C-alpha atoms as a PDB file:
ATOM      1  CA  MET A   1     100.206  58.458 -60.007  1.00  0.00           C
ATOM      2  CA  ALA A   2      97.400  61.002 -61.340  1.00  0.00           C
ATOM      3  CA  LYS A   3      97.462  64.878 -60.182  1.00  0.00           C
ATOM      4  CA  SER A   4      94.390  64.816 -57.563  1.00  0.00           C
ATOM      5  CA  ILE A   5      92.049  68.204 -58.934  1.00  0.00           C
ATOM      6  CA  GLU A   6      91.409  70.735 -56.367  1.00  0.00           C
ATOM      7  CA  PHE A   7      87.806  70.186 -56.221  1.00  0.00           C
ATOM      8  CA  ASP A   8      87.083  73.086 -53.886  1.00  0.00           C
ATOM      9  CA  LYS A   9      87.486  75.554 -56.937  1.00  0.00           C
ATOM     10  CA  ILE A  10      85.290  72.831 -58.919  1.00  0.00           C
ATOM     11  CA  ASP A  11      81.113  74.716 -58.849  1.00  0.00           C
ATOM     12  CA  ARG A  12      80.499  73.723 -62.556  1.00  0.00           C
ATOM     13  CA  ILE A  13      81.182  70.251 -64.217  1.00  0.00           C
ATOM     14  CA  LEU A  14      81.512  68.671 -67.062  1.00  0.00           C
ATOM     15  CA  ILE A  15      81.010  65.079 -67.530  1.00  0.00           C
ATOM     16  CA  ARG A  16      81.856  63.898 -71.707  1.00  0.00           C
ATOM     17  CA  GLY A  17      79.605  60.804 -71.164  1.00  0.00           C
ATOM     18  CA  THR A  18      79.911  57.523 -73.599  1.00  0.00           C
ATOM     19  CA  ASN A  19      77.974  57.136 -76.751  1.00  0.00           C
ATOM     20  CA  TRP A  20      75.864  53.705 -76.025  1.00  0.00           C
ATOM     21  CA  ILE A  21      73.282  52.496 -73.948  1.00  0.00           C
ATOM     22  CA  GLY A  22      75.229  49.675 -72.037  1.00  0.00           C
ATOM     23  CA  ASP A  23      78.258  51.911 -71.973  1.00  0.00           C
ATOM     24  CA  VAL A  24      76.431  54.845 -71.090  1.00  0.00           C
ATOM     25  CA  VAL A  25      74.799  52.524 -67.499  1.00  0.00           C
ATOM     26  CA  MET A  26      78.037  51.658 -66.946  1.00  0.00           C
ATOM     27  CA  THR A  27      79.102  54.733 -66.671  1.00  0.00           C
ATOM     28  CA  PHE A  28      76.098  55.732 -63.381  1.00  0.00           C
ATOM     29  CA  PRO A  29      78.310  54.867 -60.459  1.00  0.00           C
ATOM     30  CA  ALA A  30      80.791  57.044 -61.733  1.00  0.00           C
ATOM     31  CA  ILE A  31      78.763  60.007 -62.010  1.00  0.00           C
ATOM     32  CA  ALA A  32      77.584  59.391 -58.356  1.00  0.00           C
ATOM     33  CA  ALA A  33      81.108  59.465 -57.679  1.00  0.00           C
ATOM     34  CA  VAL A  34      81.286  63.008 -59.242  1.00  0.00           C
ATOM     35  CA  ARG A  35      77.880  63.859 -56.314  1.00  0.00           C
ATOM     36  CA  GLU A  36      79.405  62.066 -54.013  1.00  0.00           C
ATOM     37  CA  THR A  37      82.026  64.004 -54.120  1.00  0.00           C
ATOM     38  CA  LEU A  38      80.557  67.184 -55.020  1.00  0.00           C
ATOM     39  CA  PRO A  39      77.788  67.672 -53.464  1.00  0.00           C
ATOM     40  CA  HIS A  40      77.327  71.047 -54.203  1.00  0.00           C
ATOM     41  CA  ALA A  41      78.274  71.342 -57.954  1.00  0.00           C
ATOM     42  CA  ARG A  42      76.102  71.384 -61.085  1.00  0.00           C
ATOM     43  CA  ILE A  43      76.986  68.727 -62.785  1.00  0.00           C
ATOM     44  CA  THR A  44      76.207  68.824 -66.643  1.00  0.00           C
ATOM     45  CA  VAL A  45      76.462  65.916 -68.800  1.00  0.00           C
ATOM     46  CA  LEU A  46      77.576  66.060 -73.022  1.00  0.00           C
ATOM     47  CA  VAL A  47      76.348  62.851 -74.965  1.00  0.00           C
ATOM     48  CA  LYS A  48      74.993  62.219 -78.349  1.00  0.00           C
ATOM     49  CA  PRO A  49      71.142  62.933 -78.505  1.00  0.00           C
ATOM     50  CA  TRP A  50      69.912  58.731 -78.548  1.00  0.00           C
ATOM     51  CA  VAL A  51      71.635  58.137 -75.251  1.00  0.00           C
ATOM     52  CA  ALA A  52      70.025  61.899 -73.743  1.00  0.00           C
ATOM     53  CA  ASP A  53      67.234  60.343 -71.910  1.00  0.00           C
ATOM     54  CA  LEU A  54      68.969  57.851 -70.259  1.00  0.00           C
ATOM     55  CA  VAL A  55      71.361  59.930 -69.078  1.00  0.00           C
ATOM     56  CA  THR A  56      68.573  62.594 -67.356  1.00  0.00           C
ATOM     57  CA  MET A  57      67.149  59.839 -65.357  1.00  0.00           C
ATOM     58  CA  HIS A  58      70.402  59.317 -63.240  1.00  0.00           C
ATOM     59  CA  PRO A  59      69.671  60.896 -59.944  1.00  0.00           C
ATOM     60  CA  ALA A  60      73.015  63.019 -59.814  1.00  0.00           C
ATOM     61  CA  VAL A  61      72.836  64.512 -63.762  1.00  0.00           C
ATOM     62  CA  ASP A  62      71.591  68.095 -63.370  1.00  0.00           C
ATOM     63  CA  GLU A  63      71.640  68.841 -66.881  1.00  0.00           C
ATOM     64  CA  VAL A  64      72.222  67.295 -70.208  1.00  0.00           C
ATOM     65  CA  MET A  65      73.620  68.920 -73.376  1.00  0.00           C
ATOM     66  CA  ILE A  66      73.563  67.037 -76.786  1.00  0.00           C
ATOM     67  CA  TYR A  67      76.842  66.814 -79.148  1.00  0.00           C
ATOM     68  CA  GLU A  68      74.544  66.859 -82.793  1.00  0.00           C
ATOM     69  CA  ARG A  69      76.581  64.715 -84.474  1.00  0.00           C
ATOM     70  CA  PRO A  70      75.623  63.968 -86.784  1.00  0.00           C
ATOM     71  CA  GLY A  71      74.092  67.373 -87.191  1.00  0.00           C
ATOM     72  CA  ARG A  72      74.864  71.097 -86.053  1.00  0.00           C
ATOM     73  CA  HIS A  73      77.988  70.305 -84.459  1.00  0.00           C
ATOM     74  CA  GLU A  74      79.352  68.194 -87.394  1.00  0.00           C
ATOM     75  CA  GLY A  75      82.758  69.027 -89.069  1.00  0.00           C
ATOM     76  CA  ILE A  76      85.689  71.595 -87.743  1.00  0.00           C
ATOM     77  CA  GLY A  77      82.851  74.494 -87.897  1.00  0.00           C
ATOM     78  CA  GLY A  78      80.912  72.114 -85.959  1.00  0.00           C
ATOM     79  CA  LEU A  79      83.149  71.520 -83.665  1.00  0.00           C
ATOM     80  CA  TRP A  80      84.334  74.938 -83.053  1.00  0.00           C
ATOM     81  CA  ARG A  81      80.104  75.625 -82.252  1.00  0.00           C
ATOM     82  CA  LEU A  82      79.820  73.319 -79.753  1.00  0.00           C
ATOM     83  CA  ALA A  83      83.401  74.661 -78.073  1.00  0.00           C
ATOM     84  CA  ARG A  84      81.941  78.302 -78.096  1.00  0.00           C
ATOM     85  CA  GLU A  85      78.376  76.632 -76.379  1.00  0.00           C
ATOM     86  CA  LEU A  86      80.940  75.350 -73.971  1.00  0.00           C
ATOM     87  CA  ARG A  87      83.082  77.839 -73.151  1.00  0.00           C
ATOM     88  CA  LEU A  88      79.937  80.113 -72.332  1.00  0.00           C
ATOM     89  CA  ARG A  89      78.722  77.555 -69.644  1.00  0.00           C
ATOM     90  CA  ARG A  90      82.583  78.505 -67.439  1.00  0.00           C
ATOM     91  CA  PHE A  91      82.638  74.757 -66.763  1.00  0.00           C
ATOM     92  CA  ASP A  92      85.137  74.420 -63.985  1.00  0.00           C
ATOM     93  CA  ALA A  93      86.426  71.387 -64.859  1.00  0.00           C
ATOM     94  CA  ALA A  94      85.447  68.599 -67.740  1.00  0.00           C
ATOM     95  CA  ILE A  95      85.508  64.375 -66.758  1.00  0.00           C
ATOM     96  CA  LEU A  96      86.288  62.645 -70.034  1.00  0.00           C
ATOM     97  CA  LEU A  97      84.652  58.863 -69.898  1.00  0.00           C
ATOM     98  CA  GLN A  98      84.934  59.164 -73.127  1.00  0.00           C
ATOM     99  CA  ASN A  99      88.176  57.534 -74.490  1.00  0.00           C
ATOM    100  CA  ALA A 100      88.407  59.681 -77.413  1.00  0.00           C
ATOM    101  CA  ILE A 101      90.466  62.284 -78.465  1.00  0.00           C
ATOM    102  CA  GLU A 102      88.241  64.645 -79.655  1.00  0.00           C
ATOM    103  CA  ALA A 103      86.176  64.738 -76.270  1.00  0.00           C
ATOM    104  CA  ALA A 104      89.849  66.337 -75.371  1.00  0.00           C
ATOM    105  CA  ILE A 105      90.020  68.615 -78.323  1.00  0.00           C
ATOM    106  CA  ILE A 106      86.141  70.022 -77.478  1.00  0.00           C
ATOM    107  CA  ALA A 107      87.156  70.750 -73.758  1.00  0.00           C
ATOM    108  CA  ARG A 108      90.810  72.342 -74.583  1.00  0.00           C
ATOM    109  CA  LEU A 109      88.398  74.545 -77.351  1.00  0.00           C
ATOM    110  CA  ALA A 110      86.265  75.144 -74.960  1.00  0.00           C
ATOM    111  CA  GLY A 111      88.582  76.689 -72.321  1.00  0.00           C
ATOM    112  CA  ILE A 112      88.145  74.661 -69.439  1.00  0.00           C
ATOM    113  CA  PRO A 113      91.046  74.989 -66.884  1.00  0.00           C
ATOM    114  CA  VAL A 114      90.468  71.508 -65.569  1.00  0.00           C
ATOM    115  CA  ARG A 115      90.400  68.570 -68.448  1.00  0.00           C
ATOM    116  CA  ALA A 116      90.904  64.717 -67.017  1.00  0.00           C
ATOM    117  CA  GLY A 117      90.544  61.608 -68.413  1.00  0.00           C
ATOM    118  CA  TYR A 118      92.945  58.363 -69.661  1.00  0.00           C
ATOM    119  CA  SER A 119      95.703  59.250 -71.707  1.00  0.00           C
ATOM    120  CA  THR A 120      94.360  56.941 -74.707  1.00  0.00           C
ATOM    121  CA  ASP A 121      94.377  58.075 -78.056  1.00  0.00           C
ATOM    122  CA  ALA A 122      97.195  60.119 -77.939  1.00  0.00           C
ATOM    123  CA  ARG A 123      95.320  62.757 -76.237  1.00  0.00           C
ATOM    124  CA  GLY A 124      97.225  63.174 -73.228  1.00  0.00           C
ATOM    125  CA  LEU A 125      99.006  66.428 -73.889  1.00  0.00           C
ATOM    126  CA  LEU A 126      95.800  67.777 -74.266  1.00  0.00           C
ATOM    127  CA  LEU A 127      94.984  67.071 -70.567  1.00  0.00           C
ATOM    128  CA  THR A 128      95.492  68.776 -66.944  1.00  0.00           C
ATOM    129  CA  HIS A 129      95.051  65.301 -65.469  1.00  0.00           C
ATOM    130  CA  PRO A 130      95.937  62.680 -67.684  1.00  0.00           C
ATOM    131  CA  VAL A 131      95.408  59.051 -65.695  1.00  0.00           C
ATOM    132  CA  ARG A 132      97.330  56.384 -67.360  1.00  0.00           C
ATOM    133  CA  ARG A 133      95.515  52.926 -68.277  1.00  0.00           C
ATOM    134  CA  THR A 134      97.178  50.318 -67.429  1.00  0.00           C
ATOM    135  CA  GLU A 135      96.880  46.856 -68.593  1.00  0.00           C
ATOM    136  CA  ASP A 136      94.769  45.596 -66.300  1.00  0.00           C
ATOM    137  CA  ILE A 137      92.421  47.848 -65.418  1.00  0.00           C
ATOM    138  CA  LYS A 138      91.015  46.763 -69.347  1.00  0.00           C
ATOM    139  CA  THR A 139      90.343  43.631 -67.460  1.00  0.00           C
ATOM    140  CA  VAL A 140      88.074  44.911 -64.624  1.00  0.00           C
ATOM    141  CA  HIS A 141      84.164  45.478 -65.019  1.00  0.00           C
ATOM    142  CA  GLN A 142      83.482  48.340 -67.438  1.00  0.00           C
ATOM    143  CA  SER A 143      82.032  50.027 -64.197  1.00  0.00           C
ATOM    144  CA  LEU A 144      85.356  49.719 -62.550  1.00  0.00           C
ATOM    145  CA  TYR A 145      87.722  51.287 -65.025  1.00  0.00           C
ATOM    146  CA  TYR A 146      85.766  54.686 -65.232  1.00  0.00           C
ATOM    147  CA  LEU A 147      85.659  54.689 -61.065  1.00  0.00           C
ATOM    148  CA  GLU A 148      89.106  53.573 -61.062  1.00  0.00           C
ATOM    149  CA  MET A 149      89.922  56.737 -62.838  1.00  0.00           C
ATOM    150  CA  LEU A 150      88.181  59.174 -60.643  1.00  0.00           C
ATOM    151  CA  LYS A 151      89.815  57.273 -57.718  1.00  0.00           C
ATOM    152  CA  ALA A 152      93.324  58.039 -59.194  1.00  0.00           C
ATOM    153  CA  LEU A 153      92.135  61.972 -59.564  1.00  0.00           C
ATOM    154  CA  GLY A 154      91.065  61.946 -56.108  1.00  0.00           C
ATOM    155  CA  PHE A 155      87.267  61.557 -56.300  1.00  0.00           C
ATOM    156  CA  ARG A 156      84.980  59.432 -53.397  1.00  0.00           C
ATOM    157  CA  SER A 157      82.871  56.268 -54.354  1.00  0.00           C
ATOM    158  CA  SER A 158      80.874  54.463 -51.682  1.00  0.00           C
ATOM    159  CA  ASP A 159      78.342  53.639 -53.915  1.00  0.00           C
ATOM    160  CA  ARG A 160      78.856  50.718 -56.887  1.00  0.00           C
ATOM    161  CA  THR A 161      75.282  50.420 -58.157  1.00  0.00           C
ATOM    162  CA  ALA A 162      74.136  51.638 -61.870  1.00  0.00           C
ATOM    163  CA  ARG A 163      70.277  53.736 -60.853  1.00  0.00           C
ATOM    164  CA  ILE A 164      67.739  54.291 -63.344  1.00  0.00           C
ATOM    165  CA  VAL A 165      64.799  56.184 -62.465  1.00  0.00           C
ATOM    166  CA  PRO A 166      61.726  56.743 -64.623  1.00  0.00           C
ATOM    167  CA  ALA A 167      60.449  60.291 -64.171  1.00  0.00           C
ATOM    168  CA  GLU A 168      56.527  60.138 -62.743  1.00  0.00           C
ATOM    169  CA  GLN A 169      55.018  61.252 -66.310  1.00  0.00           C
ATOM    170  CA  ASP A 170      56.475  58.167 -67.771  1.00  0.00           C
ATOM    171  CA  ARG A 171      55.507  55.959 -65.391  1.00  0.00           C
ATOM    172  CA  GLU A 172      51.584  56.735 -66.040  1.00  0.00           C
ATOM    173  CA  ALA A 173      52.360  56.832 -69.768  1.00  0.00           C
ATOM    174  CA  VAL A 174      53.192  53.515 -69.160  1.00  0.00           C
ATOM    175  CA  GLN A 175      50.415  52.516 -67.303  1.00  0.00           C
ATOM    176  CA  ARG A 176      48.021  53.749 -69.864  1.00  0.00           C
ATOM    177  CA  ARG A 177      49.829  51.793 -72.702  1.00  0.00           C
ATOM    178  CA  LEU A 178      49.998  48.793 -70.466  1.00  0.00           C
ATOM    179  CA  SER A 179      45.964  48.930 -70.442  1.00  0.00           C
ATOM    180  CA  GLU A 180      45.755  49.937 -73.851  1.00  0.00           C
ATOM    181  CA  TYR A 181      47.781  45.983 -74.447  1.00  0.00           C
ATOM    182  CA  GLY A 182      45.002  44.871 -72.440  1.00  0.00           C
ATOM    183  CA  ILE A 183      47.980  44.081 -69.708  1.00  0.00           C
ATOM    184  CA  SER A 184      46.501  44.582 -66.008  1.00  0.00           C
ATOM    185  CA  GLY A 185      45.758  42.708 -62.830  1.00  0.00           C
ATOM    186  CA  ARG A 186      48.739  41.605 -60.688  1.00  0.00           C
ATOM    187  CA  ARG A 187      49.864  38.867 -63.135  1.00  0.00           C
ATOM    188  CA  PRO A 188      53.580  39.154 -64.434  1.00  0.00           C
ATOM    189  CA  ILE A 189      54.975  40.999 -66.908  1.00  0.00           C
ATOM    190  CA  ILE A 190      57.681  39.263 -69.116  1.00  0.00           C
ATOM    191  CA  GLY A 191      60.154  40.989 -71.256  1.00  0.00           C
ATOM    192  CA  LEU A 192      62.044  39.796 -73.770  1.00  0.00           C
ATOM    193  CA  ALA A 193      65.165  41.532 -75.663  1.00  0.00           C
ATOM    194  CA  PRO A 194      66.272  39.076 -78.767  1.00  0.00           C
ATOM    195  CA  GLY A 195      68.400  41.459 -80.295  1.00  0.00           C
ATOM    196  CA  ALA A 196      71.802  42.831 -80.110  1.00  0.00           C
ATOM    197  CA  ALA A 197      73.016  45.281 -82.449  1.00  0.00           C
ATOM    198  CA  TYR A 198      77.227  45.047 -82.014  1.00  0.00           C
ATOM    199  CA  GLY A 199      76.366  42.022 -83.940  1.00  0.00           C
ATOM    200  CA  PRO A 200      74.723  37.937 -84.625  1.00  0.00           C
ATOM    201  CA  ALA A 201      77.595  36.502 -82.381  1.00  0.00           C
ATOM    202  CA  LYS A 202      75.971  38.109 -79.464  1.00  0.00           C
ATOM    203  CA  ARG A 203      72.254  36.969 -80.226  1.00  0.00           C
ATOM    204  CA  TRP A 204      70.431  33.266 -78.461  1.00  0.00           C
ATOM    205  CA  PHE A 205      68.084  31.812 -81.437  1.00  0.00           C
ATOM    206  CA  PRO A 206      64.764  33.544 -82.048  1.00  0.00           C
ATOM    207  CA  GLU A 207      63.585  29.939 -81.840  1.00  0.00           C
ATOM    208  CA  ARG A 208      64.358  29.229 -78.504  1.00  0.00           C
ATOM    209  CA  PHE A 209      63.535  32.812 -77.068  1.00  0.00           C
ATOM    210  CA  ALA A 210      60.375  31.786 -77.779  1.00  0.00           C
ATOM    211  CA  ALA A 211      60.727  28.323 -76.871  1.00  0.00           C
ATOM    212  CA  VAL A 212      60.988  29.796 -73.362  1.00  0.00           C
ATOM    213  CA  ALA A 213      58.530  32.638 -73.571  1.00  0.00           C
ATOM    214  CA  ASP A 214      55.741  29.759 -74.639  1.00  0.00           C
ATOM    215  CA  ARG A 215      56.457  27.771 -71.418  1.00  0.00           C
ATOM    216  CA  LEU A 216      56.842  31.360 -69.630  1.00  0.00           C
ATOM    217  CA  ALA A 217      53.222  32.004 -71.011  1.00  0.00           C
ATOM    218  CA  GLY A 218      51.471  28.339 -70.537  1.00  0.00           C
ATOM    219  CA  ARG A 219      52.830  28.943 -66.407  1.00  0.00           C
ATOM    220  CA  TYR A 220      51.462  31.279 -65.680  1.00  0.00           C
ATOM    221  CA  ASP A 221      48.813  32.755 -68.755  1.00  0.00           C
ATOM    222  CA  CYS A 222      50.712  36.554 -68.616  1.00  0.00           C
ATOM    223  CA  PRO A 223      51.634  38.771 -71.421  1.00  0.00           C
ATOM    224  CA  VAL A 224      55.192  38.929 -73.019  1.00  0.00           C
ATOM    225  CA  LEU A 225      56.855  41.748 -74.624  1.00  0.00           C
ATOM    226  CA  LEU A 226      59.380  41.913 -77.306  1.00  0.00           C
ATOM    227  CA  PHE A 227      61.891  44.951 -76.809  1.00  0.00           C
ATOM    228  CA  GLY A 228      64.447  46.448 -79.475  1.00  0.00           C
ATOM    229  CA  GLY A 229      65.256  49.295 -81.682  1.00  0.00           C
ATOM    230  CA  SER A 230      64.107  49.688 -85.073  1.00  0.00           C
ATOM    231  CA  GLY A 231      67.189  47.508 -86.231  1.00  0.00           C
ATOM    232  CA  ASP A 232      65.900  44.908 -83.929  1.00  0.00           C
ATOM    233  CA  ARG A 233      62.573  44.044 -85.901  1.00  0.00           C
ATOM    234  CA  GLY A 234      64.260  41.153 -87.569  1.00  0.00           C
ATOM    235  CA  SER A 235      64.710  39.551 -84.475  1.00  0.00           C
ATOM    236  CA  THR A 236      61.418  40.132 -82.886  1.00  0.00           C
ATOM    237  CA  GLU A 237      59.328  39.306 -85.571  1.00  0.00           C
ATOM    238  CA  ALA A 238      61.645  35.829 -86.098  1.00  0.00           C
ATOM    239  CA  VAL A 239      60.714  35.212 -82.146  1.00  0.00           C
ATOM    240  CA  GLN A 240      56.684  35.717 -83.071  1.00  0.00           C
ATOM    241  CA  SER A 241      57.198  33.310 -85.789  1.00  0.00           C
ATOM    242  CA  ALA A 242      58.396  30.762 -84.004  1.00  0.00           C
ATOM    243  CA  ALA A 243      56.538  31.079 -81.206  1.00  0.00           C
ATOM    244  CA  ALA A 244      52.921  29.139 -80.493  1.00  0.00           C
ATOM    245  CA  ASN A 245      51.379  32.269 -78.485  1.00  0.00           C
ATOM    246  CA  THR A 246      50.840  35.596 -79.652  1.00  0.00           C
ATOM    247  CA  PHE A 247      53.345  38.517 -77.990  1.00  0.00           C
ATOM    248  CA  ILE A 248      53.337  42.511 -78.029  1.00  0.00           C
ATOM    249  CA  ASP A 249      55.963  43.485 -80.311  1.00  0.00           C
ATOM    250  CA  ILE A 250      57.311  46.960 -79.567  1.00  0.00           C
ATOM    251  CA  SER A 251      59.919  46.994 -81.011  1.00  0.00           C
ATOM    252  CA  GLY A 252      60.851  50.342 -82.835  1.00  0.00           C
ATOM    253  CA  ARG A 253      57.596  51.375 -81.560  1.00  0.00           C
ATOM    254  CA  THR A 254      59.098  53.489 -78.566  1.00  0.00           C
ATOM    255  CA  ASN A 255      61.725  55.682 -77.996  1.00  0.00           C
ATOM    256  CA  LEU A 256      64.297  55.192 -75.159  1.00  0.00           C
ATOM    257  CA  ARG A 257      62.749  57.143 -72.670  1.00  0.00           C
ATOM    258  CA  GLU A 258      59.123  54.720 -72.963  1.00  0.00           C
ATOM    259  CA  ALA A 259      61.192  51.425 -73.330  1.00  0.00           C
ATOM    260  CA  ILE A 260      63.012  52.291 -70.124  1.00  0.00           C
ATOM    261  CA  ALA A 261      59.592  52.693 -68.403  1.00  0.00           C
ATOM    262  CA  LEU A 262      58.069  49.328 -69.954  1.00  0.00           C
ATOM    263  CA  ILE A 263      61.111  47.485 -68.649  1.00  0.00           C
ATOM    264  CA  ALA A 264      61.267  48.861 -65.155  1.00  0.00           C
ATOM    265  CA  ARG A 265      56.723  47.529 -65.257  1.00  0.00           C
ATOM    266  CA  CYS A 266      58.509  43.764 -66.206  1.00  0.00           C
ATOM    267  CA  ASP A 267      58.772  41.253 -63.608  1.00  0.00           C
ATOM    268  CA  LEU A 268      60.990  39.117 -65.730  1.00  0.00           C
ATOM    269  CA  PHE A 269      63.544  40.386 -68.654  1.00  0.00           C
ATOM    270  CA  ILE A 270      65.683  37.513 -70.884  1.00  0.00           C
ATOM    271  CA  THR A 271      68.213  39.567 -72.912  1.00  0.00           C
ATOM    272  CA  ASN A 272      70.853  38.988 -75.316  1.00  0.00           C
ATOM    273  CA  ASP A 273      73.974  40.779 -73.919  1.00  0.00           C
ATOM    274  CA  SER A 274      72.707  43.739 -74.643  1.00  0.00           C
ATOM    275  CA  GLY A 275      71.920  48.059 -74.008  1.00  0.00           C
ATOM    276  CA  LEU A 276      68.672  47.082 -72.602  1.00  0.00           C
ATOM    277  CA  MET A 277      70.248  44.538 -70.204  1.00  0.00           C
ATOM    278  CA  HIS A 278      72.034  47.051 -68.391  1.00  0.00           C
ATOM    279  CA  VAL A 279      68.873  49.136 -68.628  1.00  0.00           C
ATOM    280  CA  ALA A 280      67.229  46.142 -67.319  1.00  0.00           C
ATOM    281  CA  GLY A 281      69.806  45.893 -64.297  1.00  0.00           C
ATOM    282  CA  ALA A 282      69.901  49.352 -63.698  1.00  0.00           C
ATOM    283  CA  LEU A 283      66.347  49.164 -62.963  1.00  0.00           C
ATOM    284  CA  GLY A 284      66.357  46.199 -60.572  1.00  0.00           C
ATOM    285  CA  VAL A 285      64.171  44.061 -63.016  1.00  0.00           C
ATOM    286  CA  PRO A 286      65.237  40.280 -62.597  1.00  0.00           C
ATOM    287  CA  THR A 287      67.343  39.575 -65.599  1.00  0.00           C
ATOM    288  CA  VAL A 288      68.389  36.336 -66.835  1.00  0.00           C
ATOM    289  CA  ALA A 289      71.289  37.353 -69.396  1.00  0.00           C
ATOM    290  CA  ILE A 290      72.829  34.929 -72.541  1.00  0.00           C
ATOM    291  CA  PHE A 291      76.041  35.630 -73.564  1.00  0.00           C
ATOM    292  CA  GLY A 292      78.270  34.092 -75.802  1.00  0.00           C
ATOM    293  CA  SER A 293      80.569  35.918 -77.550  1.00  0.00           C
ATOM    294  CA  THR A 294      81.309  38.747 -74.769  1.00  0.00           C
ATOM    295  CA  ASN A 295      82.968  38.342 -71.610  1.00  0.00           C
ATOM    296  CA  PRO A 296      80.626  38.757 -68.529  1.00  0.00           C
ATOM    297  CA  GLU A 297      83.545  39.370 -66.397  1.00  0.00           C
ATOM    298  CA  THR A 298      83.857  42.943 -67.669  1.00  0.00           C
ATOM    299  CA  THR A 299      80.123  43.886 -69.190  1.00  0.00           C
ATOM    300  CA  PHE A 300      77.541  41.657 -66.728  1.00  0.00           C
ATOM    301  CA  PRO A 301      74.242  44.060 -65.775  1.00  0.00           C
ATOM    302  CA  MET A 302      74.851  45.605 -62.570  1.00  0.00           C
ATOM    303  CA  GLY A 303      71.537  44.313 -60.687  1.00  0.00           C
ATOM    304  CA  GLU A 304      71.192  42.407 -58.018  1.00  0.00           C
ATOM    305  CA  ARG A 305      68.618  39.915 -59.253  1.00  0.00           C
ATOM    306  CA  THR A 306      70.602  38.625 -62.441  1.00  0.00           C
ATOM    307  CA  VAL A 307      70.667  35.461 -63.196  1.00  0.00           C
ATOM    308  CA  ILE A 308      73.802  35.145 -66.049  1.00  0.00           C
ATOM    309  CA  VAL A 309      73.663  32.271 -68.560  1.00  0.00           C
ATOM    310  CA  ARG A 310      76.876  31.041 -70.121  1.00  0.00           C
ATOM    311  CA  ARG A 311      78.573  28.222 -71.601  1.00  0.00           C
ATOM    312  CA  ALA A 312      82.443  28.200 -71.136  1.00  0.00           C
ATOM    313  CA  VAL A 313      84.247  27.080 -74.570  1.00  0.00           C
ATOM    314  CA  ASP A 314      87.756  27.405 -75.293  1.00  0.00           C
ATOM    315  CA  CYS A 315      86.853  29.916 -78.431  1.00  0.00           C
ATOM    316  CA  SER A 316      84.986  32.304 -76.133  1.00  0.00           C
ATOM    317  CA  PRO A 317      85.031  35.280 -75.618  1.00  0.00           C
ATOM    318  CA  CYS A 318      85.874  36.262 -79.040  1.00  0.00           C
ATOM    319  CA  LEU A 319      84.043  39.096 -79.001  1.00  0.00           C
ATOM    320  CA  LYS A 320      83.423  38.686 -82.607  1.00  0.00           C
ATOM    321  CA  LYS A 321      80.494  39.922 -84.558  1.00  0.00           C
ATOM    322  CA  GLU A 322      80.019  37.024 -86.224  1.00  0.00           C
ATOM    323  CA  CYS A 323      81.026  33.898 -85.622  1.00  0.00           C
ATOM    324  CA  PRO A 324      83.508  32.123 -87.883  1.00  0.00           C
ATOM    325  CA  THR A 325      83.290  28.416 -86.648  1.00  0.00           C
ATOM    326  CA  ASP A 326      79.770  26.361 -85.131  1.00  0.00           C
ATOM    327  CA  PHE A 327      78.325  28.833 -82.700  1.00  0.00           C
ATOM    328  CA  ARG A 328      79.089  26.584 -80.447  1.00  0.00           C
ATOM    329  CA  CYS A 329      78.650  29.104 -76.775  1.00  0.00           C
ATOM    330  CA  MET A 330      75.250  29.752 -78.250  1.00  0.00           C
ATOM    331  CA  GLU A 331      74.486  26.061 -79.704  1.00  0.00           C
ATOM    332  CA  LEU A 332      74.911  24.969 -75.865  1.00  0.00           C
ATOM    333  CA  VAL A 333      72.728  27.204 -74.399  1.00  0.00           C
ATOM    334  CA  SER A 334      69.479  25.202 -73.742  1.00  0.00           C
ATOM    335  CA  VAL A 335      65.864  26.682 -73.278  1.00  0.00           C
ATOM    336  CA  ASP A 336      65.581  24.519 -70.364  1.00  0.00           C
ATOM    337  CA  GLU A 337      68.573  26.077 -68.355  1.00  0.00           C
ATOM    338  CA  VAL A 338      67.187  29.856 -69.207  1.00  0.00           C
ATOM    339  CA  PHE A 339      63.415  28.667 -68.849  1.00  0.00           C
ATOM    340  CA  GLU A 340      64.315  27.471 -65.255  1.00  0.00           C
ATOM    341  CA  SER A 341      66.840  30.274 -64.511  1.00  0.00           C
ATOM    342  CA  SER A 342      63.679  32.397 -65.293  1.00  0.00           C
ATOM    343  CA  ILE A 343      61.588  30.317 -62.719  1.00  0.00           C
ATOM    344  CA  ARG A 344      64.216  30.759 -60.501  1.00  0.00           C
ATOM    345  CA  LEU A 345      64.041  34.054 -59.929  1.00  0.00           C
ATOM    346  CA  LEU A 346      60.130  33.895 -60.501  1.00  0.00           C
ATOM    347  CA  SER A 347      59.452  32.176 -57.220  1.00  0.00           C
ATOM    348  CA  GLU A 348      62.092  34.937 -55.550  1.00  0.00           C
ATOM    349  CA  ALA A 349      59.628  37.418 -56.827  1.00  0.00           C
ATOM    350  CA  GLY A 350      56.744  35.644 -54.995  1.00  0.00           C
ATOM    351  CA  TYR A 351      55.143  33.834 -58.439  1.00  0.00           C
ATOM    352  CA  PRO A 352      54.721  30.310 -57.662  1.00  0.00           C
END
């Protein structure tokens, strides 16, 4: 049983966030629980620069600090520099959502009196409020993994949803960009995310993405946007090469803030298990999520209008980056079932 935190002594709290887009979205219910329990506290979240824009969109967050590693916080000297910066802010408590020992070392060097988190990575002695990670907790959805840690510390939570709210200036900028693309009117906008940074075992076939998008474009006379980072350009280019229609490829051409605001304007998002899948779910965008090597029980997108497309095979989830056999988990996912799931979601959104 973990020791509860004395919340009446907490005015300034630091949360060490996770490092990747999808993981960050799955911590949002936990961040909301901190706000619910400590409504008047100042909440600062420490994260790597590539997810900072995403964290700023959570309504419970007051401030985002950047952990510049690589960069000015690199190495032993950089670690001390970061600890000094944190010490100057006189945090009362640190909630370490990241599991690594490094997060506990930084909080200890910063002199933060309350340091709480799972006692993973041999960091238990550095924490004032360690929480034991059981085998059962590893099998629940990742959002519950963080919430259960907070529950053990005495935090309360009444809302397990993840929410992202783009700023007004981002919505205005996106409207201008859509006008530049020639997208106007009330027709549906389809978003596709055919990449996945983890590895090819999570990627459905580009030609099948193209076939679904072509059928949707033909049915609705609608634009299709291809999403992803610069590392996903190979996937988006393969989709376009296999397609009969011309799509708008914005992979690697937007920053994360712009991409999120553009996803928010989509009427349907079709995606592999990826960070952008979690973004679409948290935005409330109707989402078709294709799973193969990974486990939807632990990482499904937390949107109310989400359809999981997956074929159960004996070797999945294997959680491997590359398929060592015949890729049957993706081979069995057909164009028809992804298209039909898309039509159902669009129909529910008012597109016959």
